[in-house]
Amino acid sequence: MEKSEKTGIFLNFKNRLKEKFPSVRRIARACLDVPQCLFNDSSKVARKKQEIILGYAKKFGISIFVETGTCQGDMVEAVRNDFARVTSIELDDNLYLKAKQRFENCKNVEILHGDSGVVLRQVVPLINAPALFWLDGHYSGEGTAKGDTETPIMAELETICSSGLRHVVLIDDARLFTGNGDYPSISELEKYVRDRKKSIIFEINDGIIRLTPGL
């Protein structure tokens, strides 16, 4: 049998399997009842993001971490020993309660409930030193909560930019900022930030939008 024929048979078999059986990812979600956000990152990608966060914290001498979109609290768990103070905001009722219970004995961790675009208005004024903001509070599908919009990013940035402190802001999932739905485009987002913080350094790398204080 020619190689091309073998390839054709294999592809045909593969396509028939796809039609007959749902994806393993969908089966796992249905059986385990876990939120979509847990399937967004592989462990390798998650570790890379954690390393990036800790790298910026070290570079800028930051000891305060603020996260929007707690999900199961894995990012909090990964970085809580490297920050003096950790705050994470979750909109979904069930995810909030689980995270609250998970970190109830961690004195430096605070889990808050609500729309991060709103809750940050109470959090940011209480911060008295530069903080690292990890913004990942968008709607992620099944198992997560949706506020008034798919992403609270504009409200989050408005509050953060109103602060006079030199915060570092990392925004996950840069690929989503296409200008479709409730997401601004990358250029719209950059203009919005620069209009409020003219010296800000705006970069995108490894799928993360990075806003760092300029000179």
C-alpha atoms as a PDB file:
ATOM      1  CA  MET A   1       0.000   0.000   0.000  1.00  0.00           C
ATOM      2  CA  GLU A   2       1.309   3.424  -0.953  1.00  0.00           C
ATOM      3  CA  LYS A   3       2.133   5.929   1.793  1.00  0.00           C
ATOM      4  CA  SER A   4      -0.502   8.353   0.480  1.00  0.00           C
ATOM      5  CA  GLU A   5      -3.175   5.633   0.716  1.00  0.00           C
ATOM      6  CA  LYS A   6      -2.183   4.837   4.315  1.00  0.00           C
ATOM      7  CA  THR A   7      -2.385   8.536   5.185  1.00  0.00           C
ATOM      8  CA  GLY A   8      -5.824   8.795   3.606  1.00  0.00           C
ATOM      9  CA  ILE A   9      -7.122   5.791   5.529  1.00  0.00           C
ATOM     10  CA  PHE A  10      -5.753   7.185   8.806  1.00  0.00           C
ATOM     11  CA  LEU A  11      -7.295  10.623   8.253  1.00  0.00           C
ATOM     12  CA  ASN A  12     -10.639   9.082   7.321  1.00  0.00           C
ATOM     13  CA  PHE A  13     -10.589   6.965  10.487  1.00  0.00           C
ATOM     14  CA  LYS A  14      -9.632   9.999  12.588  1.00  0.00           C
ATOM     15  CA  ASN A  15     -12.475  12.083  11.158  1.00  0.00           C
ATOM     16  CA  ARG A  16     -14.996   9.307  11.772  1.00  0.00           C
ATOM     17  CA  LEU A  17     -13.891   9.127  15.417  1.00  0.00           C
ATOM     18  CA  LYS A  18     -14.368  12.886  15.773  1.00  0.00           C
ATOM     19  CA  GLU A  19     -17.899  12.599  14.402  1.00  0.00           C
ATOM     20  CA  LYS A  20     -18.804   9.613  16.578  1.00  0.00           C
ATOM     21  CA  PHE A  21     -17.358  10.703  19.929  1.00  0.00           C
ATOM     22  CA  PRO A  22     -17.391  14.076  21.708  1.00  0.00           C
ATOM     23  CA  SER A  23     -14.057  15.522  22.707  1.00  0.00           C
ATOM     24  CA  VAL A  24     -12.328  14.294  25.855  1.00  0.00           C
ATOM     25  CA  ARG A  25     -12.323  17.886  27.114  1.00  0.00           C
ATOM     26  CA  ARG A  26     -16.110  18.121  26.808  1.00  0.00           C
ATOM     27  CA  ILE A  27     -16.573  14.751  28.547  1.00  0.00           C
ATOM     28  CA  ALA A  28     -14.352  15.873  31.418  1.00  0.00           C
ATOM     29  CA  ARG A  29     -16.283  19.099  31.883  1.00  0.00           C
ATOM     30  CA  ALA A  30     -19.605  17.252  31.872  1.00  0.00           C
ATOM     31  CA  CYS A  31     -18.532  14.497  34.266  1.00  0.00           C
ATOM     32  CA  LEU A  32     -16.515  16.574  36.712  1.00  0.00           C
ATOM     33  CA  ASP A  33     -18.600  19.751  36.554  1.00  0.00           C
ATOM     34  CA  VAL A  34     -15.533  21.980  36.510  1.00  0.00           C
ATOM     35  CA  PRO A  35     -15.385  25.484  35.025  1.00  0.00           C
ATOM     36  CA  GLN A  36     -14.110  26.205  31.555  1.00  0.00           C
ATOM     37  CA  CYS A  37     -11.303  28.377  32.943  1.00  0.00           C
ATOM     38  CA  LEU A  38      -9.512  25.265  34.193  1.00  0.00           C
ATOM     39  CA  PHE A  39      -9.150  23.994  30.636  1.00  0.00           C
ATOM     40  CA  ASN A  40      -7.721  27.210  29.207  1.00  0.00           C
ATOM     41  CA  ASP A  41      -4.107  26.657  30.255  1.00  0.00           C
ATOM     42  CA  SER A  42      -1.914  23.589  30.284  1.00  0.00           C
ATOM     43  CA  SER A  43       0.259  23.149  33.361  1.00  0.00           C
ATOM     44  CA  LYS A  44       3.256  24.305  31.324  1.00  0.00           C
ATOM     45  CA  VAL A  45       1.500  27.500  30.225  1.00  0.00           C
ATOM     46  CA  ALA A  46       0.266  28.131  33.774  1.00  0.00           C
ATOM     47  CA  ARG A  47       3.789  27.780  35.170  1.00  0.00           C
ATOM     48  CA  LYS A  48       5.083  30.174  32.532  1.00  0.00           C
ATOM     49  CA  LYS A  49       2.515  32.790  33.568  1.00  0.00           C
ATOM     50  CA  GLN A  50       3.436  32.340  37.212  1.00  0.00           C
ATOM     51  CA  GLU A  51       7.107  32.840  36.366  1.00  0.00           C
ATOM     52  CA  ILE A  52       6.287  36.013  34.424  1.00  0.00           C
ATOM     53  CA  ILE A  53       4.325  37.423  37.370  1.00  0.00           C
ATOM     54  CA  LEU A  54       7.083  36.673  39.841  1.00  0.00           C
ATOM     55  CA  GLY A  55       9.673  38.076  37.449  1.00  0.00           C
ATOM     56  CA  TYR A  56       7.894  41.434  37.266  1.00  0.00           C
ATOM     57  CA  ALA A  57       7.392  41.476  41.028  1.00  0.00           C
ATOM     58  CA  LYS A  58      11.112  40.993  41.546  1.00  0.00           C
ATOM     59  CA  LYS A  59      12.093  43.519  38.875  1.00  0.00           C
ATOM     60  CA  PHE A  60       9.914  46.282  40.330  1.00  0.00           C
ATOM     61  CA  GLY A  61      10.220  45.321  43.988  1.00  0.00           C
ATOM     62  CA  ILE A  62       6.486  44.663  44.391  1.00  0.00           C
ATOM     63  CA  SER A  63       5.006  42.870  47.400  1.00  0.00           C
ATOM     64  CA  ILE A  64       1.272  43.350  46.677  1.00  0.00           C
ATOM     65  CA  PHE A  65      -0.578  41.108  44.219  1.00  0.00           C
ATOM     66  CA  VAL A  66      -4.119  41.754  42.983  1.00  0.00           C
ATOM     67  CA  GLU A  67      -5.903  39.273  40.720  1.00  0.00           C
ATOM     68  CA  THR A  68      -9.249  39.485  38.968  1.00  0.00           C
ATOM     69  CA  GLY A  69     -10.793  36.131  38.088  1.00  0.00           C
ATOM     70  CA  THR A  70      -9.866  33.739  40.903  1.00  0.00           C
ATOM     71  CA  CYS A  71     -11.332  30.594  39.314  1.00  0.00           C
ATOM     72  CA  GLN A  72     -10.110  27.727  41.524  1.00  0.00           C
ATOM     73  CA  GLY A  73      -7.394  29.858  43.108  1.00  0.00           C
ATOM     74  CA  ASP A  74      -4.440  28.173  41.444  1.00  0.00           C
ATOM     75  CA  MET A  75      -2.663  31.450  40.672  1.00  0.00           C
ATOM     76  CA  VAL A  76      -3.148  32.595  44.256  1.00  0.00           C
ATOM     77  CA  GLU A  77      -1.715  29.312  45.497  1.00  0.00           C
ATOM     78  CA  ALA A  78       1.275  29.612  43.173  1.00  0.00           C
ATOM     79  CA  VAL A  79       2.295  33.129  44.202  1.00  0.00           C
ATOM     80  CA  ARG A  80       0.979  33.656  47.743  1.00  0.00           C
ATOM     81  CA  ASN A  81       4.320  32.876  49.391  1.00  0.00           C
ATOM     82  CA  ASP A  82       6.086  35.452  47.237  1.00  0.00           C
ATOM     83  CA  PHE A  83       3.882  38.440  48.141  1.00  0.00           C
ATOM     84  CA  ALA A  84       3.184  40.040  51.487  1.00  0.00           C
ATOM     85  CA  ARG A  85      -0.414  40.677  50.473  1.00  0.00           C
ATOM     86  CA  VAL A  86      -2.610  38.857  47.954  1.00  0.00           C
ATOM     87  CA  THR A  87      -6.117  39.921  46.908  1.00  0.00           C
ATOM     88  CA  SER A  88      -8.225  38.023  44.384  1.00  0.00           C
ATOM     89  CA  ILE A  89     -11.702  38.891  43.101  1.00  0.00           C
ATOM     90  CA  GLU A  90     -14.205  36.321  41.797  1.00  0.00           C
ATOM     91  CA  LEU A  91     -17.696  36.951  40.428  1.00  0.00           C
ATOM     92  CA  ASP A  92     -19.017  33.381  40.311  1.00  0.00           C
ATOM     93  CA  ASP A  93     -20.718  32.368  43.570  1.00  0.00           C
ATOM     94  CA  ASN A  94     -19.463  28.775  43.656  1.00  0.00           C
ATOM     95  CA  LEU A  95     -15.886  29.594  42.645  1.00  0.00           C
ATOM     96  CA  TYR A  96     -15.770  32.361  45.224  1.00  0.00           C
ATOM     97  CA  LEU A  97     -16.939  30.089  48.034  1.00  0.00           C
ATOM     98  CA  LYS A  98     -14.465  27.359  47.087  1.00  0.00           C
ATOM     99  CA  ALA A  99     -11.557  29.793  46.936  1.00  0.00           C
ATOM    100  CA  LYS A 100     -12.637  31.450  50.190  1.00  0.00           C
ATOM    101  CA  GLN A 101     -12.567  28.074  51.904  1.00  0.00           C
ATOM    102  CA  ARG A 102      -9.283  27.057  50.273  1.00  0.00           C
ATOM    103  CA  PHE A 103      -7.427  30.071  51.635  1.00  0.00           C
ATOM    104  CA  GLU A 104      -9.268  30.645  54.902  1.00  0.00           C
ATOM    105  CA  ASN A 105      -6.103  29.903  56.901  1.00  0.00           C
ATOM    106  CA  CYS A 106      -3.791  32.053  54.765  1.00  0.00           C
ATOM    107  CA  LYS A 107      -3.407  35.334  56.629  1.00  0.00           C
ATOM    108  CA  ASN A 108      -1.964  37.247  53.668  1.00  0.00           C
ATOM    109  CA  VAL A 109      -4.714  36.166  51.221  1.00  0.00           C
ATOM    110  CA  GLU A 110      -8.045  37.935  50.762  1.00  0.00           C
ATOM    111  CA  ILE A 111     -10.734  36.534  48.440  1.00  0.00           C
ATOM    112  CA  LEU A 112     -13.400  39.062  47.464  1.00  0.00           C
ATOM    113  CA  HIS A 113     -16.756  38.448  45.802  1.00  0.00           C
ATOM    114  CA  GLY A 114     -18.234  40.516  43.001  1.00  0.00           C
ATOM    115  CA  ASP A 115     -17.670  42.137  39.625  1.00  0.00           C
ATOM    116  CA  SER A 116     -13.995  43.133  39.557  1.00  0.00           C
ATOM    117  CA  GLY A 117     -14.806  46.254  37.567  1.00  0.00           C
ATOM    118  CA  VAL A 118     -16.771  47.417  40.603  1.00  0.00           C
ATOM    119  CA  VAL A 119     -14.878  45.800  43.484  1.00  0.00           C
ATOM    120  CA  LEU A 120     -11.545  47.294  42.400  1.00  0.00           C
ATOM    121  CA  ARG A 121     -12.993  50.725  43.153  1.00  0.00           C
ATOM    122  CA  GLN A 122     -12.895  49.771  46.824  1.00  0.00           C
ATOM    123  CA  VAL A 123      -9.594  47.873  46.648  1.00  0.00           C
ATOM    124  CA  VAL A 124      -7.307  50.261  44.767  1.00  0.00           C
ATOM    125  CA  PRO A 125      -7.704  53.323  47.044  1.00  0.00           C
ATOM    126  CA  LEU A 126      -6.566  51.163  50.000  1.00  0.00           C
ATOM    127  CA  ILE A 127      -3.304  50.192  48.294  1.00  0.00           C
ATOM    128  CA  ASN A 128      -0.467  52.381  49.550  1.00  0.00           C
ATOM    129  CA  ALA A 129       2.396  50.969  47.488  1.00  0.00           C
ATOM    130  CA  PRO A 130       2.906  49.804  43.893  1.00  0.00           C
ATOM    131  CA  ALA A 131       1.042  46.570  43.195  1.00  0.00           C
ATOM    132  CA  LEU A 132       1.081  43.949  40.471  1.00  0.00           C
ATOM    133  CA  PHE A 133      -2.356  43.503  38.887  1.00  0.00           C
ATOM    134  CA  TRP A 134      -3.113  40.244  37.082  1.00  0.00           C
ATOM    135  CA  LEU A 135      -6.310  40.904  35.106  1.00  0.00           C
ATOM    136  CA  ASP A 136      -8.053  37.693  34.066  1.00  0.00           C
ATOM    137  CA  GLY A 137     -11.635  38.346  35.149  1.00  0.00           C
ATOM    138  CA  HIS A 138     -13.389  37.886  31.819  1.00  0.00           C
ATOM    139  CA  TYR A 139     -16.252  35.489  31.126  1.00  0.00           C
ATOM    140  CA  SER A 140     -14.744  32.113  30.196  1.00  0.00           C
ATOM    141  CA  GLY A 141     -17.820  30.110  29.285  1.00  0.00           C
ATOM    142  CA  GLU A 142     -19.426  27.221  31.106  1.00  0.00           C
ATOM    143  CA  GLY A 143     -18.839  27.220  34.854  1.00  0.00           C
ATOM    144  CA  THR A 144     -17.881  30.887  35.104  1.00  0.00           C
ATOM    145  CA  ALA A 145     -19.938  34.004  35.748  1.00  0.00           C
ATOM    146  CA  LYS A 146     -20.655  36.876  33.395  1.00  0.00           C
ATOM    147  CA  GLY A 147     -21.241  40.413  34.601  1.00  0.00           C
ATOM    148  CA  ASP A 148     -22.734  43.211  32.554  1.00  0.00           C
ATOM    149  CA  THR A 149     -20.096  42.623  29.869  1.00  0.00           C
ATOM    150  CA  GLU A 150     -17.899  39.752  28.699  1.00  0.00           C
ATOM    151  CA  THR A 151     -14.879  41.513  30.137  1.00  0.00           C
ATOM    152  CA  PRO A 152     -14.621  44.202  32.823  1.00  0.00           C
ATOM    153  CA  ILE A 153     -11.222  45.304  31.512  1.00  0.00           C
ATOM    154  CA  MET A 154     -12.098  48.936  30.746  1.00  0.00           C
ATOM    155  CA  ALA A 155     -13.633  49.520  34.181  1.00  0.00           C
ATOM    156  CA  GLU A 156     -10.649  47.762  35.791  1.00  0.00           C
ATOM    157  CA  LEU A 157      -8.122  49.903  33.932  1.00  0.00           C
ATOM    158  CA  GLU A 158     -10.028  53.102  34.663  1.00  0.00           C
ATOM    159  CA  THR A 159      -9.716  52.430  38.388  1.00  0.00           C
ATOM    160  CA  ILE A 160      -6.080  51.325  38.258  1.00  0.00           C
ATOM    161  CA  CYS A 161      -5.026  54.264  36.089  1.00  0.00           C
ATOM    162  CA  SER A 162      -6.691  56.682  38.502  1.00  0.00           C
ATOM    163  CA  SER A 163      -4.105  55.722  41.103  1.00  0.00           C
ATOM    164  CA  GLY A 164      -1.004  57.859  41.407  1.00  0.00           C
ATOM    165  CA  LEU A 165       1.151  54.824  42.175  1.00  0.00           C
ATOM    166  CA  ARG A 166       3.437  53.108  39.677  1.00  0.00           C
ATOM    167  CA  HIS A 167       1.562  49.836  39.344  1.00  0.00           C
ATOM    168  CA  VAL A 168       2.418  46.971  37.005  1.00  0.00           C
ATOM    169  CA  VAL A 169      -0.542  45.566  35.059  1.00  0.00           C
ATOM    170  CA  LEU A 170      -0.529  42.222  33.265  1.00  0.00           C
ATOM    171  CA  ILE A 171      -3.602  41.341  31.190  1.00  0.00           C
ATOM    172  CA  ASP A 172      -4.039  37.703  30.224  1.00  0.00           C
ATOM    173  CA  ASP A 173      -5.409  36.360  26.927  1.00  0.00           C
ATOM    174  CA  ALA A 174      -4.267  39.113  24.563  1.00  0.00           C
ATOM    175  CA  ARG A 175      -5.747  37.099  21.676  1.00  0.00           C
ATOM    176  CA  LEU A 176      -9.260  38.023  22.825  1.00  0.00           C
ATOM    177  CA  PHE A 177      -8.764  41.748  22.251  1.00  0.00           C
ATOM    178  CA  THR A 178     -10.000  41.879  18.678  1.00  0.00           C
ATOM    179  CA  GLY A 179     -12.625  44.614  18.908  1.00  0.00           C
ATOM    180  CA  ASN A 180     -15.423  42.036  18.748  1.00  0.00           C
ATOM    181  CA  GLY A 181     -18.188  41.788  21.329  1.00  0.00           C
ATOM    182  CA  ASP A 182     -17.319  43.658  24.519  1.00  0.00           C
ATOM    183  CA  TYR A 183     -13.582  43.446  23.901  1.00  0.00           C
ATOM    184  CA  PRO A 184     -11.691  46.526  22.716  1.00  0.00           C
ATOM    185  CA  SER A 185      -9.044  46.030  20.070  1.00  0.00           C
ATOM    186  CA  ILE A 186      -5.399  46.123  21.102  1.00  0.00           C
ATOM    187  CA  SER A 187      -5.004  49.582  19.582  1.00  0.00           C
ATOM    188  CA  GLU A 188      -8.108  50.867  21.400  1.00  0.00           C
ATOM    189  CA  LEU A 189      -6.837  49.450  24.660  1.00  0.00           C
ATOM    190  CA  GLU A 190      -3.416  51.007  24.197  1.00  0.00           C
ATOM    191  CA  LYS A 191      -4.909  54.424  23.388  1.00  0.00           C
ATOM    192  CA  TYR A 192      -7.185  54.231  26.410  1.00  0.00           C
ATOM    193  CA  VAL A 193      -4.244  53.554  28.723  1.00  0.00           C
ATOM    194  CA  ARG A 194      -1.883  56.098  27.148  1.00  0.00           C
ATOM    195  CA  ASP A 195      -4.513  58.820  27.386  1.00  0.00           C
ATOM    196  CA  ARG A 196      -4.427  58.284  31.147  1.00  0.00           C
ATOM    197  CA  LYS A 197      -0.793  57.271  31.704  1.00  0.00           C
ATOM    198  CA  LYS A 198       1.325  58.879  29.003  1.00  0.00           C
ATOM    199  CA  SER A 199       4.619  57.390  30.179  1.00  0.00           C
ATOM    200  CA  ILE A 200       3.326  53.823  30.351  1.00  0.00           C
ATOM    201  CA  ILE A 201       5.242  51.100  28.514  1.00  0.00           C
ATOM    202  CA  PHE A 202       2.756  48.980  26.551  1.00  0.00           C
ATOM    203  CA  GLU A 203       3.980  45.575  25.349  1.00  0.00           C
ATOM    204  CA  ILE A 204       2.557  42.217  24.325  1.00  0.00           C
ATOM    205  CA  ASN A 205       4.503  39.013  24.771  1.00  0.00           C
ATOM    206  CA  ASP A 206       3.557  35.358  25.391  1.00  0.00           C
ATOM    207  CA  GLY A 207      -0.114  36.263  24.989  1.00  0.00           C
ATOM    208  CA  ILE A 208       0.024  38.752  27.857  1.00  0.00           C
ATOM    209  CA  ILE A 209      -0.513  42.509  27.562  1.00  0.00           C
ATOM    210  CA  ARG A 210       2.068  44.152  29.825  1.00  0.00           C
ATOM    211  CA  LEU A 211       1.754  47.656  31.196  1.00  0.00           C
ATOM    212  CA  THR A 212       4.752  48.865  33.136  1.00  0.00           C
ATOM    213  CA  PRO A 213       5.650  52.313  34.471  1.00  0.00           C
ATOM    214  CA  GLY A 214       7.916  54.377  32.260  1.00  0.00           C
ATOM    215  CA  LEU A 215      10.392  57.059  33.339  1.00  0.00           C
END
